[in-house]
């Protein structure tokens, strides 16, 4: 009896986790289309949607990380005004920071070129950087953070 109650509770907990699951960003990044001009960037919004934008903040592609149902106003393809403001603010912050010299890390001169250690304003900035044999090709900006080059 106790075993069957425990199994029922565990099954219910497993279903709750499965329905509220969030896919990892790394799973969706390789599938997203990028702005062909190289002046776009990728943004992870507070609404759990990864969007690639062109330089005019038009959505090129998107991937939803959770299982929330689409809305009649076009979400998740069309970001809400708040999420669009997040993307614009994060992009502007990244553009400002990329013009500053970045201090060396704790390893000093041993730092190697690394995708994620480079601030970026757009995908074009990341082209040509490499990290341990991986080619950096896209700029990903997360809300309340700065853009970093990524190997996807």
N, C-alpha and C. Protein backbone atom coordinates (compact mmCIF):
# COMPACT_ATOMS: atom_id res chain seq x y z
N UNK A 1 0.82 -1.19 0.00
CA UNK A 1 0.00 0.00 0.00
C UNK A 1 0.86 1.25 0.00
N UNK A 2 1.87 1.27 0.91
CA UNK A 2 2.75 2.44 0.99
C UNK A 2 3.53 2.61 -0.31
N UNK A 3 3.92 1.51 -0.92
CA UNK A 3 4.68 1.55 -2.17
C UNK A 3 3.83 2.16 -3.28
N UNK A 4 2.56 1.77 -3.37
CA UNK A 4 1.70 2.29 -4.43
C UNK A 4 1.41 3.78 -4.23
N UNK A 5 1.27 4.23 -2.98
CA UNK A 5 1.07 5.67 -2.72
C UNK A 5 2.33 6.43 -3.13
N UNK A 6 3.49 5.91 -2.75
CA UNK A 6 4.76 6.55 -3.12
C UNK A 6 4.91 6.61 -4.64
N UNK A 7 4.56 5.53 -5.34
CA UNK A 7 4.67 5.49 -6.80
C UNK A 7 3.72 6.50 -7.44
N UNK A 8 2.51 6.63 -6.89
CA UNK A 8 1.54 7.59 -7.41
C UNK A 8 2.05 9.01 -7.24
N UNK A 9 2.59 9.32 -6.07
CA UNK A 9 3.13 10.66 -5.82
C UNK A 9 4.29 10.96 -6.76
N UNK A 10 5.18 10.00 -6.93
CA UNK A 10 6.34 10.20 -7.82
C UNK A 10 5.89 10.39 -9.27
N UNK A 11 4.89 9.63 -9.70
CA UNK A 11 4.38 9.78 -11.07
C UNK A 11 3.76 11.15 -11.27
N UNK A 12 3.00 11.61 -10.28
CA UNK A 12 2.39 12.94 -10.38
C UNK A 12 3.47 14.02 -10.40
N UNK A 13 4.49 13.87 -9.59
CA UNK A 13 5.59 14.84 -9.58
C UNK A 13 6.31 14.83 -10.91
N UNK A 14 6.51 13.67 -11.50
CA UNK A 14 7.16 13.57 -12.80
C UNK A 14 6.35 14.24 -13.89
N UNK A 15 5.03 14.10 -13.85
CA UNK A 15 4.18 14.75 -14.84
C UNK A 15 4.22 16.26 -14.67
N UNK A 16 4.27 16.75 -13.43
CA UNK A 16 4.33 18.19 -13.19
C UNK A 16 5.62 18.76 -13.74
N UNK A 17 6.70 18.04 -13.55
CA UNK A 17 7.98 18.51 -14.08
C UNK A 17 7.95 18.51 -15.60
N UNK A 18 7.37 17.47 -16.20
CA UNK A 18 7.36 17.36 -17.65
C UNK A 18 6.53 18.47 -18.29
N UNK A 19 5.40 18.84 -17.69
CA UNK A 19 4.55 19.86 -18.29
C UNK A 19 5.10 21.26 -18.08
N UNK A 20 5.91 21.48 -17.06
CA UNK A 20 6.47 22.81 -16.81
C UNK A 20 7.92 22.89 -17.22
N UNK A 21 8.37 21.96 -18.04
CA UNK A 21 9.78 21.89 -18.41
C UNK A 21 10.20 23.06 -19.29
N UNK A 22 11.41 23.48 -19.10
CA UNK A 22 12.00 24.55 -19.91
C UNK A 22 13.14 23.92 -20.69
N UNK A 23 13.10 24.06 -22.02
CA UNK A 23 14.18 23.53 -22.85
C UNK A 23 15.42 24.39 -22.66
N UNK A 24 16.59 23.79 -22.70
CA UNK A 24 17.81 24.59 -22.58
C UNK A 24 18.04 25.43 -23.84
N UNK A 25 18.60 26.61 -23.65
CA UNK A 25 18.86 27.52 -24.77
C UNK A 25 19.78 26.84 -25.78
N UNK A 26 20.76 26.08 -25.29
CA UNK A 26 21.72 25.43 -26.19
C UNK A 26 21.05 24.44 -27.14
N UNK A 27 19.86 23.95 -26.78
CA UNK A 27 19.14 23.02 -27.63
C UNK A 27 18.51 23.71 -28.84
N UNK A 28 18.07 24.95 -28.67
CA UNK A 28 17.37 25.65 -29.75
C UNK A 28 18.26 26.55 -30.60
N UNK A 29 19.39 26.99 -30.07
CA UNK A 29 20.24 27.93 -30.80
C UNK A 29 20.67 27.46 -32.18
N UNK A 30 21.12 26.22 -32.33
CA UNK A 30 21.57 25.79 -33.66
C UNK A 30 20.48 25.76 -34.73
N UNK A 31 19.23 25.73 -34.31
CA UNK A 31 18.13 25.63 -35.27
C UNK A 31 17.60 26.99 -35.74
N UNK A 32 18.01 28.06 -35.08
CA UNK A 32 17.47 29.37 -35.41
C UNK A 32 18.15 30.00 -36.62
N UNK A 33 17.34 30.62 -37.48
CA UNK A 33 17.88 31.36 -38.63
C UNK A 33 18.47 32.67 -38.12
N UNK A 34 19.56 33.09 -38.76
CA UNK A 34 20.23 34.33 -38.40
C UNK A 34 20.00 35.38 -39.47
N UNK A 35 20.19 36.65 -39.11
CA UNK A 35 20.11 37.73 -40.08
C UNK A 35 21.26 37.57 -41.08
N UNK A 36 20.96 37.42 -42.38
CA UNK A 36 22.03 37.19 -43.36
C UNK A 36 23.01 38.35 -43.50
N UNK A 37 22.63 39.56 -43.08
CA UNK A 37 23.53 40.70 -43.19
C UNK A 37 24.66 40.64 -42.17
N UNK A 38 24.48 39.83 -41.11
CA UNK A 38 25.48 39.76 -40.06
C UNK A 38 25.31 40.85 -39.02
N UNK A 39 24.35 41.72 -39.18
CA UNK A 39 24.15 42.82 -38.24
C UNK A 39 23.06 42.52 -37.22
N UNK A 40 22.55 41.30 -37.22
CA UNK A 40 21.53 40.91 -36.26
C UNK A 40 22.16 40.34 -35.00
N UNK A 41 21.31 39.90 -34.09
CA UNK A 41 21.78 39.31 -32.84
C UNK A 41 20.69 38.39 -32.30
N UNK A 42 21.04 37.60 -31.31
CA UNK A 42 20.10 36.68 -30.67
C UNK A 42 19.81 37.18 -29.27
N UNK A 43 18.55 37.14 -28.86
CA UNK A 43 18.16 37.64 -27.54
C UNK A 43 17.33 36.58 -26.82
N UNK A 44 17.65 36.36 -25.55
CA UNK A 44 16.87 35.48 -24.70
C UNK A 44 16.04 36.39 -23.79
N UNK A 45 14.74 36.41 -24.00
CA UNK A 45 13.87 37.33 -23.27
C UNK A 45 13.35 36.77 -21.97
N UNK A 46 12.81 37.66 -21.15
CA UNK A 46 12.23 37.26 -19.87
C UNK A 46 10.96 36.44 -20.06
N UNK A 47 10.44 36.38 -21.28
CA UNK A 47 9.25 35.58 -21.58
C UNK A 47 9.60 34.14 -21.99
N UNK A 48 10.87 33.74 -21.79
CA UNK A 48 11.35 32.39 -22.12
C UNK A 48 11.27 32.09 -23.61
N UNK A 49 11.54 33.09 -24.43
CA UNK A 49 11.59 32.91 -25.88
C UNK A 49 12.94 33.43 -26.36
N UNK A 50 13.61 32.61 -27.17
CA UNK A 50 14.86 33.02 -27.82
C UNK A 50 14.47 33.54 -29.20
N UNK A 51 14.87 34.77 -29.51
CA UNK A 51 14.55 35.36 -30.81
C UNK A 51 15.83 35.84 -31.47
N UNK A 52 15.91 35.65 -32.78
CA UNK A 52 16.98 36.29 -33.54
C UNK A 52 16.36 37.52 -34.20
N UNK A 53 17.08 38.63 -34.07
CA UNK A 53 16.61 39.90 -34.61
C UNK A 53 17.53 40.36 -35.73
N UNK A 54 16.99 41.15 -36.66
CA UNK A 54 17.84 41.83 -37.62
C UNK A 54 18.23 43.18 -37.02
N UNK A 55 18.99 43.97 -37.75
CA UNK A 55 19.49 45.23 -37.17
C UNK A 55 18.38 46.24 -36.89
N UNK A 56 17.20 46.06 -37.49
CA UNK A 56 16.07 46.96 -37.25
C UNK A 56 15.10 46.41 -36.21
N UNK A 57 15.52 45.40 -35.47
CA UNK A 57 14.74 44.74 -34.43
C UNK A 57 13.51 44.02 -34.97
N UNK A 58 13.59 43.58 -36.22
CA UNK A 58 12.57 42.69 -36.77
C UNK A 58 12.94 41.26 -36.39
N UNK A 59 11.95 40.44 -36.05
CA UNK A 59 12.21 39.05 -35.65
C UNK A 59 12.50 38.22 -36.90
N UNK A 60 13.68 37.59 -36.93
CA UNK A 60 14.05 36.70 -38.03
C UNK A 60 13.53 35.29 -37.74
N UNK A 61 13.72 34.83 -36.51
CA UNK A 61 13.29 33.49 -36.11
C UNK A 61 13.11 33.49 -34.60
N UNK A 62 12.45 32.46 -34.07
CA UNK A 62 12.22 32.37 -32.62
C UNK A 62 12.07 30.92 -32.20
N UNK A 63 12.29 30.68 -30.92
CA UNK A 63 12.05 29.36 -30.33
C UNK A 63 11.59 29.57 -28.90
N UNK A 64 10.49 28.96 -28.58
CA UNK A 64 9.92 29.05 -27.25
C UNK A 64 10.59 28.01 -26.36
N UNK A 65 11.00 28.40 -25.15
CA UNK A 65 11.68 27.49 -24.25
C UNK A 65 10.72 26.74 -23.32
N UNK A 66 9.53 27.28 -23.12
CA UNK A 66 8.56 26.61 -22.26
C UNK A 66 7.36 26.15 -23.09
N UNK A 67 6.35 25.61 -22.43
CA UNK A 67 5.21 25.08 -23.17
C UNK A 67 3.97 25.97 -23.07
N UNK A 68 4.17 27.25 -22.85
CA UNK A 68 3.07 28.21 -22.79
C UNK A 68 2.41 28.31 -24.17
N UNK A 69 1.09 28.37 -24.19
CA UNK A 69 0.36 28.39 -25.46
C UNK A 69 0.50 29.74 -26.16
N UNK A 70 0.60 29.75 -27.50
CA UNK A 70 0.65 31.00 -28.26
C UNK A 70 -0.61 31.84 -28.01
N UNK A 71 -0.48 33.14 -28.18
CA UNK A 71 -1.62 34.03 -27.96
C UNK A 71 -2.13 34.59 -29.29
N UNK A 72 -3.29 35.18 -29.25
CA UNK A 72 -3.92 35.73 -30.46
C UNK A 72 -3.16 36.95 -31.01
N UNK A 73 -2.39 37.62 -30.16
CA UNK A 73 -1.68 38.82 -30.62
C UNK A 73 -0.32 38.51 -31.25
N UNK A 74 -0.05 37.23 -31.53
CA UNK A 74 1.17 36.85 -32.24
C UNK A 74 2.32 36.37 -31.39
N UNK A 75 2.17 36.39 -30.05
CA UNK A 75 3.24 35.88 -29.21
C UNK A 75 3.32 34.37 -29.42
N UNK A 76 4.42 33.75 -29.52
CA UNK A 76 5.76 34.19 -29.18
C UNK A 76 6.56 34.83 -30.33
N UNK A 77 6.05 34.75 -31.58
CA UNK A 77 6.81 35.34 -32.68
C UNK A 77 7.00 36.83 -32.47
N UNK A 78 5.94 37.51 -32.08
CA UNK A 78 6.01 38.96 -31.87
C UNK A 78 6.23 39.21 -30.38
N UNK A 79 7.35 39.84 -30.01
CA UNK A 79 7.61 40.09 -28.59
C UNK A 79 6.68 41.18 -28.05
N UNK A 80 6.38 41.09 -26.77
CA UNK A 80 5.59 42.13 -26.13
C UNK A 80 6.43 43.42 -26.11
N UNK A 81 5.79 44.57 -25.92
CA UNK A 81 6.56 45.82 -25.85
C UNK A 81 7.63 45.79 -24.76
N UNK A 82 7.35 45.13 -23.63
CA UNK A 82 8.34 45.05 -22.55
C UNK A 82 9.56 44.23 -22.97
N UNK A 83 9.32 43.10 -23.62
CA UNK A 83 10.43 42.25 -24.06
C UNK A 83 11.22 42.93 -25.18
N UNK A 84 10.54 43.62 -26.08
CA UNK A 84 11.24 44.36 -27.12
C UNK A 84 12.10 45.47 -26.51
N UNK A 85 11.58 46.13 -25.48
CA UNK A 85 12.37 47.16 -24.78
C UNK A 85 13.59 46.52 -24.11
N UNK A 86 13.43 45.31 -23.53
CA UNK A 86 14.57 44.58 -22.94
C UNK A 86 15.64 44.33 -24.00
N UNK A 87 15.21 43.86 -25.17
CA UNK A 87 16.15 43.54 -26.24
C UNK A 87 16.89 44.80 -26.69
N UNK A 88 16.17 45.90 -26.85
CA UNK A 88 16.80 47.15 -27.28
C UNK A 88 17.78 47.66 -26.24
N UNK A 89 17.39 47.58 -24.96
CA UNK A 89 18.27 48.03 -23.88
C UNK A 89 19.53 47.16 -23.80
N UNK A 90 19.35 45.84 -23.88
CA UNK A 90 20.50 44.92 -23.82
C UNK A 90 21.42 45.13 -25.02
N UNK A 91 20.85 45.36 -26.20
CA UNK A 91 21.66 45.60 -27.40
C UNK A 91 22.43 46.91 -27.27
N UNK A 92 21.79 47.95 -26.78
CA UNK A 92 22.47 49.24 -26.59
C UNK A 92 23.59 49.11 -25.57
N UNK A 93 23.34 48.40 -24.46
CA UNK A 93 24.38 48.19 -23.44
C UNK A 93 25.56 47.44 -24.03
N UNK A 94 25.29 46.42 -24.83
CA UNK A 94 26.38 45.66 -25.46
C UNK A 94 27.17 46.54 -26.42
N UNK A 95 26.48 47.37 -27.18
CA UNK A 95 27.16 48.26 -28.13
C UNK A 95 28.06 49.25 -27.41
N UNK A 96 27.60 49.77 -26.26
CA UNK A 96 28.44 50.70 -25.48
C UNK A 96 29.67 49.98 -24.93
N UNK A 97 29.47 48.79 -24.39
CA UNK A 97 30.57 48.08 -23.74
C UNK A 97 31.60 47.55 -24.72
N UNK A 98 31.20 47.24 -25.93
CA UNK A 98 32.14 46.67 -26.89
C UNK A 98 33.21 47.70 -27.27
N UNK A 99 32.92 48.97 -27.10
CA UNK A 99 33.91 50.00 -27.45
C UNK A 99 34.93 50.21 -26.35
N UNK A 100 34.69 49.65 -25.17
CA UNK A 100 35.64 49.77 -24.06
C UNK A 100 36.62 48.61 -24.07
N UNK A 101 37.82 48.87 -23.59
CA UNK A 101 38.79 47.78 -23.45
C UNK A 101 38.34 46.89 -22.29
N UNK A 102 38.35 45.61 -22.51
CA UNK A 102 37.93 44.67 -21.47
C UNK A 102 39.17 44.26 -20.67
N UNK A 103 39.10 44.34 -19.34
CA UNK A 103 40.27 43.97 -18.54
C UNK A 103 40.61 42.49 -18.69
N UNK A 104 41.89 42.17 -18.56
CA UNK A 104 42.31 40.78 -18.61
C UNK A 104 41.74 40.02 -17.43
N UNK A 105 41.48 38.76 -17.62
CA UNK A 105 40.96 37.91 -16.56
C UNK A 105 42.04 37.57 -15.56
N UNK A 106 41.73 36.73 -14.58
CA UNK A 106 42.70 36.39 -13.54
C UNK A 106 43.93 35.66 -14.07
N UNK A 107 43.83 35.09 -15.25
CA UNK A 107 44.99 34.40 -15.82
C UNK A 107 45.87 35.34 -16.64
N UNK A 108 45.47 36.59 -16.74
CA UNK A 108 46.28 37.60 -17.41
C UNK A 108 46.58 37.26 -18.85
N UNK A 109 47.84 37.27 -19.19
CA UNK A 109 48.27 37.08 -20.57
C UNK A 109 47.97 35.67 -21.10
N UNK A 110 47.65 34.72 -20.23
CA UNK A 110 47.35 33.37 -20.69
C UNK A 110 45.94 33.26 -21.25
N UNK A 111 45.13 34.34 -21.10
CA UNK A 111 43.77 34.30 -21.68
C UNK A 111 43.86 34.02 -23.17
N UNK A 112 43.01 33.15 -23.64
CA UNK A 112 42.94 32.84 -25.06
C UNK A 112 41.71 33.49 -25.65
N UNK A 113 41.71 33.63 -26.97
CA UNK A 113 40.49 34.10 -27.62
C UNK A 113 39.39 33.10 -27.28
N UNK A 114 38.28 33.62 -26.84
CA UNK A 114 37.17 32.75 -26.47
C UNK A 114 35.87 33.41 -26.89
N UNK A 115 34.98 32.64 -27.44
CA UNK A 115 33.70 33.21 -27.87
C UNK A 115 33.02 33.95 -26.73
N UNK A 116 32.84 33.30 -25.61
CA UNK A 116 32.04 33.88 -24.55
C UNK A 116 32.75 34.98 -23.78
N UNK A 117 34.02 35.24 -24.05
CA UNK A 117 34.69 36.31 -23.34
C UNK A 117 34.69 37.61 -24.14
N UNK A 118 33.97 37.64 -25.24
CA UNK A 118 33.94 38.82 -26.10
C UNK A 118 32.58 39.49 -26.05
N UNK A 119 32.55 40.76 -25.67
CA UNK A 119 31.31 41.53 -25.77
C UNK A 119 31.00 41.70 -27.25
N UNK A 120 29.74 41.76 -27.60
CA UNK A 120 29.40 41.93 -29.01
C UNK A 120 28.12 42.73 -29.18
N UNK A 121 28.05 43.54 -30.23
CA UNK A 121 26.81 44.25 -30.54
C UNK A 121 25.98 43.51 -31.59
N UNK A 122 26.62 42.67 -32.43
CA UNK A 122 25.91 41.98 -33.51
C UNK A 122 26.72 40.76 -33.96
N UNK A 123 26.11 39.96 -34.84
CA UNK A 123 26.76 38.72 -35.30
C UNK A 123 28.06 38.99 -36.05
N UNK A 124 28.11 40.05 -36.82
CA UNK A 124 29.29 40.35 -37.63
C UNK A 124 30.54 40.53 -36.77
N UNK A 125 30.37 41.10 -35.59
CA UNK A 125 31.49 41.32 -34.68
C UNK A 125 32.14 40.00 -34.28
N UNK A 126 31.35 38.95 -34.16
CA UNK A 126 31.84 37.66 -33.69
C UNK A 126 32.55 36.85 -34.77
N UNK A 127 32.25 37.12 -36.03
CA UNK A 127 32.85 36.35 -37.13
C UNK A 127 34.38 36.43 -37.03
N UNK A 128 35.02 35.31 -37.19
CA UNK A 128 36.47 35.28 -37.18
C UNK A 128 37.08 34.99 -35.82
N UNK A 129 36.31 35.11 -34.74
CA UNK A 129 36.84 34.73 -33.43
C UNK A 129 36.77 33.22 -33.32
N UNK A 130 37.67 32.66 -32.55
CA UNK A 130 37.64 31.21 -32.38
C UNK A 130 37.95 30.86 -30.93
N UNK A 131 37.43 29.74 -30.51
CA UNK A 131 37.67 29.25 -29.16
C UNK A 131 37.91 27.76 -29.22
N UNK A 132 39.14 27.36 -28.92
CA UNK A 132 39.49 25.95 -28.86
C UNK A 132 39.04 25.19 -30.10
N UNK A 133 39.19 25.80 -31.26
CA UNK A 133 38.85 25.16 -32.52
C UNK A 133 37.42 25.36 -32.96
N UNK A 134 36.58 25.96 -32.13
CA UNK A 134 35.19 26.24 -32.50
C UNK A 134 35.10 27.64 -33.06
N UNK A 135 34.39 27.79 -34.14
CA UNK A 135 34.24 29.10 -34.77
C UNK A 135 33.08 29.85 -34.12
N UNK A 136 33.32 31.10 -33.76
CA UNK A 136 32.28 31.94 -33.18
C UNK A 136 31.54 32.61 -34.33
N UNK A 137 30.23 32.62 -34.29
CA UNK A 137 29.52 33.18 -35.41
C UNK A 137 28.30 34.01 -35.07
N UNK A 138 27.86 34.01 -33.83
CA UNK A 138 26.64 34.71 -33.48
C UNK A 138 26.80 35.44 -32.16
N UNK A 139 26.07 36.54 -32.05
CA UNK A 139 26.06 37.33 -30.83
C UNK A 139 24.75 37.05 -30.09
N UNK A 140 24.85 36.57 -28.85
CA UNK A 140 23.66 36.31 -28.06
C UNK A 140 23.60 37.30 -26.91
N UNK A 141 22.46 37.98 -26.78
CA UNK A 141 22.24 38.96 -25.72
C UNK A 141 21.13 38.44 -24.83
N UNK A 142 21.41 38.37 -23.54
CA UNK A 142 20.41 37.96 -22.56
C UNK A 142 19.96 39.21 -21.82
N UNK A 143 18.66 39.34 -21.57
CA UNK A 143 18.14 40.51 -20.86
C UNK A 143 18.92 40.76 -19.58
N UNK A 144 19.15 42.02 -19.28
CA UNK A 144 19.90 42.45 -18.09
C UNK A 144 21.34 41.97 -18.10
N UNK A 145 21.89 41.76 -19.28
CA UNK A 145 23.27 41.35 -19.40
C UNK A 145 23.83 41.99 -20.67
N UNK A 146 25.01 41.56 -21.09
CA UNK A 146 25.61 42.09 -22.32
C UNK A 146 25.73 40.97 -23.34
N UNK A 147 25.93 41.33 -24.59
CA UNK A 147 26.08 40.35 -25.63
C UNK A 147 27.41 39.63 -25.52
N UNK A 148 27.40 38.36 -25.81
CA UNK A 148 28.61 37.54 -25.87
C UNK A 148 28.56 36.69 -27.11
N UNK A 149 29.72 36.55 -27.76
CA UNK A 149 29.81 35.72 -28.96
C UNK A 149 29.61 34.26 -28.57
N UNK A 150 28.94 33.52 -29.46
CA UNK A 150 28.63 32.12 -29.22
C UNK A 150 28.97 31.29 -30.44
N UNK A 151 29.35 30.03 -30.25
CA UNK A 151 29.69 29.16 -31.39
C UNK A 151 28.47 28.43 -31.96
N UNK A 152 27.48 29.15 -32.45
CA UNK A 152 26.32 28.46 -33.07
C UNK A 152 25.97 29.17 -34.35
